[in-house]
Amino acid sequence: MRSPYASPKSEKQRCGAAVGAIVATLSGSDTASAEGISVSSPSPVLALCRKLIAYGFDPAIPIHVFRGDTLALTVRSIGEGARLEIRGDGVGFRRLPKLGAGPPMRRPGRAAVGNRARRETTP
């Protein structure tokens, strides 16, 4: 039975989760879950953001990630989190390339810039 003096807010709301934000839980070092969706990944919160968007959640919704009762991470919006990946050296983030974007290529009819192009133009 709940005490009549107990706060009506849940523990996670008292710890700082904003109203309207998705509340996620971290378990272990590679698993995050929220809204009935669970993801295992080296960067589970970012993978969870991508999965939530794939399930149709609004990309503007923030996400508050808890480890137990402790707020461990806040992501401003799941759309922003979905566009990030861990940088190659493991420190910081980099943006994922846009869907459909390929590597840079030179335009047809233009000479390559490099040693090969210089050799072709010299007699």
C-alpha atoms as a PDB file:
ATOM      1  CA  MET A   1       0.000   0.000   0.000  1.00  0.00           C
ATOM      2  CA  ARG A   2       1.241   3.451  -0.894  1.00  0.00           C
ATOM      3  CA  SER A   3       1.643   6.129   1.751  1.00  0.00           C
ATOM      4  CA  PRO A   4      -0.740   9.104   1.425  1.00  0.00           C
ATOM      5  CA  TYR A   5       2.306  11.352   1.862  1.00  0.00           C
ATOM      6  CA  ALA A   6       4.249   9.798  -1.019  1.00  0.00           C
ATOM      7  CA  SER A   7       4.891  11.887  -4.096  1.00  0.00           C
ATOM      8  CA  PRO A   8       2.509  11.093  -6.973  1.00  0.00           C
ATOM      9  CA  LYS A   9       5.451  11.260  -9.379  1.00  0.00           C
ATOM     10  CA  SER A  10       7.420   8.134 -10.216  1.00  0.00           C
ATOM     11  CA  GLU A  11      11.044   7.822  -9.143  1.00  0.00           C
ATOM     12  CA  LYS A  12      12.233   8.486 -12.695  1.00  0.00           C
ATOM     13  CA  GLN A  13      10.164  11.679 -12.950  1.00  0.00           C
ATOM     14  CA  ARG A  14      11.615  12.921  -9.638  1.00  0.00           C
ATOM     15  CA  CYS A  15      15.124  12.267 -10.978  1.00  0.00           C
ATOM     16  CA  GLY A  16      14.667  14.701 -13.856  1.00  0.00           C
ATOM     17  CA  ALA A  17      12.833  13.032 -16.729  1.00  0.00           C
ATOM     18  CA  ALA A  18      10.823  15.688 -18.536  1.00  0.00           C
ATOM     19  CA  VAL A  19       7.147  15.137 -19.264  1.00  0.00           C
ATOM     20  CA  GLY A  20       6.749  13.963 -22.860  1.00  0.00           C
ATOM     21  CA  ALA A  21      10.247  12.505 -23.021  1.00  0.00           C
ATOM     22  CA  ILE A  22      10.904   8.853 -23.709  1.00  0.00           C
ATOM     23  CA  VAL A  23      12.354   7.101 -20.655  1.00  0.00           C
ATOM     24  CA  ALA A  24      14.902   4.410 -21.501  1.00  0.00           C
ATOM     25  CA  THR A  25      16.838   1.971 -19.332  1.00  0.00           C
ATOM     26  CA  LEU A  26      20.443   0.845 -19.717  1.00  0.00           C
ATOM     27  CA  SER A  27      21.342  -2.673 -18.652  1.00  0.00           C
ATOM     28  CA  GLY A  28      24.855  -3.964 -18.906  1.00  0.00           C
ATOM     29  CA  SER A  29      27.225  -2.118 -21.196  1.00  0.00           C
ATOM     30  CA  ASP A  30      25.478  -2.817 -24.481  1.00  0.00           C
ATOM     31  CA  THR A  31      21.684  -2.982 -23.999  1.00  0.00           C
ATOM     32  CA  ALA A  32      19.094  -0.201 -23.920  1.00  0.00           C
ATOM     33  CA  SER A  33      15.309  -0.490 -23.885  1.00  0.00           C
ATOM     34  CA  ALA A  34      12.331   1.847 -24.057  1.00  0.00           C
ATOM     35  CA  GLU A  35       8.682   1.644 -25.090  1.00  0.00           C
ATOM     36  CA  GLY A  36       8.897  -2.163 -25.394  1.00  0.00           C
ATOM     37  CA  ILE A  37      11.889  -1.990 -27.768  1.00  0.00           C
ATOM     38  CA  SER A  38      15.246  -3.433 -26.743  1.00  0.00           C
ATOM     39  CA  VAL A  39      18.553  -2.969 -28.581  1.00  0.00           C
ATOM     40  CA  SER A  40      21.988  -4.526 -28.086  1.00  0.00           C
ATOM     41  CA  SER A  41      24.836  -2.571 -29.660  1.00  0.00           C
ATOM     42  CA  PRO A  42      28.255  -1.104 -28.812  1.00  0.00           C
ATOM     43  CA  SER A  43      26.417   2.260 -28.671  1.00  0.00           C
ATOM     44  CA  PRO A  44      22.978   1.166 -27.455  1.00  0.00           C
ATOM     45  CA  VAL A  45      21.381   4.591 -26.912  1.00  0.00           C
ATOM     46  CA  LEU A  46      22.160   5.757 -30.453  1.00  0.00           C
ATOM     47  CA  ALA A  47      20.922   2.445 -31.877  1.00  0.00           C
ATOM     48  CA  LEU A  48      17.765   2.772 -29.764  1.00  0.00           C
ATOM     49  CA  CYS A  49      17.164   6.260 -31.181  1.00  0.00           C
ATOM     50  CA  ARG A  50      17.381   4.853 -34.738  1.00  0.00           C
ATOM     51  CA  LYS A  51      15.020   1.994 -33.857  1.00  0.00           C
ATOM     52  CA  LEU A  52      12.469   4.299 -32.197  1.00  0.00           C
ATOM     53  CA  ILE A  53      12.339   6.440 -35.344  1.00  0.00           C
ATOM     54  CA  ALA A  54      11.963   3.294 -37.474  1.00  0.00           C
ATOM     55  CA  TYR A  55       8.946   2.383 -35.306  1.00  0.00           C
ATOM     56  CA  GLY A  56       7.372   5.760 -36.056  1.00  0.00           C
ATOM     57  CA  PHE A  57       8.215   7.895 -33.018  1.00  0.00           C
ATOM     58  CA  ASP A  58       8.545  11.649 -33.573  1.00  0.00           C
ATOM     59  CA  PRO A  59      12.243  12.533 -34.109  1.00  0.00           C
ATOM     60  CA  ALA A  60      11.811  15.701 -31.995  1.00  0.00           C
ATOM     61  CA  ILE A  61      11.059  13.778 -28.769  1.00  0.00           C
ATOM     62  CA  PRO A  62      13.874  13.838 -26.195  1.00  0.00           C
ATOM     63  CA  ILE A  63      15.054  10.671 -24.481  1.00  0.00           C
ATOM     64  CA  HIS A  64      16.191  10.295 -20.876  1.00  0.00           C
ATOM     65  CA  VAL A  65      18.298   7.209 -20.214  1.00  0.00           C
ATOM     66  CA  PHE A  66      18.495   5.722 -16.722  1.00  0.00           C
ATOM     67  CA  ARG A  67      20.793   3.139 -15.204  1.00  0.00           C
ATOM     68  CA  GLY A  68      18.727   1.963 -12.268  1.00  0.00           C
ATOM     69  CA  ASP A  69      17.329   5.095 -10.595  1.00  0.00           C
ATOM     70  CA  THR A  70      20.143   7.340 -11.833  1.00  0.00           C
ATOM     71  CA  LEU A  71      19.758   9.573 -14.879  1.00  0.00           C
ATOM     72  CA  ALA A  72      22.788   8.562 -16.949  1.00  0.00           C
ATOM     73  CA  LEU A  73      22.234  10.387 -20.244  1.00  0.00           C
ATOM     74  CA  THR A  74      19.891  12.870 -21.882  1.00  0.00           C
ATOM     75  CA  VAL A  75      19.601  13.131 -25.661  1.00  0.00           C
ATOM     76  CA  ARG A  76      18.006  16.364 -26.875  1.00  0.00           C
ATOM     77  CA  SER A  77      15.990  14.553 -29.561  1.00  0.00           C
ATOM     78  CA  ILE A  78      15.915  10.984 -30.866  1.00  0.00           C
ATOM     79  CA  GLY A  79      16.345  12.390 -34.381  1.00  0.00           C
ATOM     80  CA  GLU A  80      19.622  13.991 -33.378  1.00  0.00           C
ATOM     81  CA  GLY A  81      20.781  10.808 -31.625  1.00  0.00           C
ATOM     82  CA  ALA A  82      19.879   8.710 -34.662  1.00  0.00           C
ATOM     83  CA  ARG A  83      22.209  10.775 -36.855  1.00  0.00           C
ATOM     84  CA  LEU A  84      25.255  10.169 -34.643  1.00  0.00           C
ATOM     85  CA  GLU A  85      27.789   7.371 -34.328  1.00  0.00           C
ATOM     86  CA  ILE A  86      30.839   6.900 -32.131  1.00  0.00           C
ATOM     87  CA  ARG A  87      33.947   8.416 -33.710  1.00  0.00           C
ATOM     88  CA  GLY A  88      36.609   5.920 -34.832  1.00  0.00           C
ATOM     89  CA  ASP A  89      38.997   6.690 -31.983  1.00  0.00           C
ATOM     90  CA  GLY A  90      36.209   6.106 -29.430  1.00  0.00           C
ATOM     91  CA  VAL A  91      36.174   9.703 -28.192  1.00  0.00           C
ATOM     92  CA  GLY A  92      33.211  11.831 -29.259  1.00  0.00           C
ATOM     93  CA  PHE A  93      30.740  11.474 -32.100  1.00  0.00           C
ATOM     94  CA  ARG A  94      30.467  12.036 -35.828  1.00  0.00           C
ATOM     95  CA  ARG A  95      27.402  12.472 -37.974  1.00  0.00           C
ATOM     96  CA  LEU A  96      26.297   9.565 -40.114  1.00  0.00           C
ATOM     97  CA  PRO A  97      26.269  10.268 -43.859  1.00  0.00           C
ATOM     98  CA  LYS A  98      22.864  11.113 -45.269  1.00  0.00           C
ATOM     99  CA  LEU A  99      20.953   8.217 -46.751  1.00  0.00           C
ATOM    100  CA  GLY A 100      21.791   7.905 -50.452  1.00  0.00           C
ATOM    101  CA  ALA A 101      24.950   9.996 -50.200  1.00  0.00           C
ATOM    102  CA  GLY A 102      27.900   8.357 -51.884  1.00  0.00           C
ATOM    103  CA  PRO A 103      31.607   9.070 -51.823  1.00  0.00           C
ATOM    104  CA  PRO A 104      32.772  12.265 -53.545  1.00  0.00           C
ATOM    105  CA  MET A 105      33.427  11.769 -57.253  1.00  0.00           C
ATOM    106  CA  ARG A 106      34.773  14.028 -59.946  1.00  0.00           C
ATOM    107  CA  ARG A 107      32.411  15.269 -62.585  1.00  0.00           C
ATOM    108  CA  PRO A 108      32.498  13.726 -66.062  1.00  0.00           C
ATOM    109  CA  GLY A 109      34.789  15.575 -68.466  1.00  0.00           C
ATOM    110  CA  ARG A 110      37.026  17.064 -65.777  1.00  0.00           C
ATOM    111  CA  ALA A 111      40.656  16.048 -65.393  1.00  0.00           C
ATOM    112  CA  ALA A 112      41.780  14.295 -62.258  1.00  0.00           C
ATOM    113  CA  VAL A 113      43.838  16.350 -59.845  1.00  0.00           C
ATOM    114  CA  GLY A 114      46.980  14.464 -58.951  1.00  0.00           C
ATOM    115  CA  ASN A 115      50.229  13.052 -60.322  1.00  0.00           C
ATOM    116  CA  ARG A 116      48.518  11.195 -63.147  1.00  0.00           C
ATOM    117  CA  ALA A 117      46.918  14.355 -64.554  1.00  0.00           C
ATOM    118  CA  ARG A 118      50.237  16.253 -64.444  1.00  0.00           C
ATOM    119  CA  ARG A 119      52.106  13.478 -66.277  1.00  0.00           C
ATOM    120  CA  GLU A 120      49.498  13.424 -69.050  1.00  0.00           C
ATOM    121  CA  THR A 121      49.809  17.166 -69.707  1.00  0.00           C
ATOM    122  CA  THR A 122      53.645  17.345 -69.788  1.00  0.00           C
ATOM    123  CA  PRO A 123      55.436  16.316 -73.029  1.00  0.00           C
END
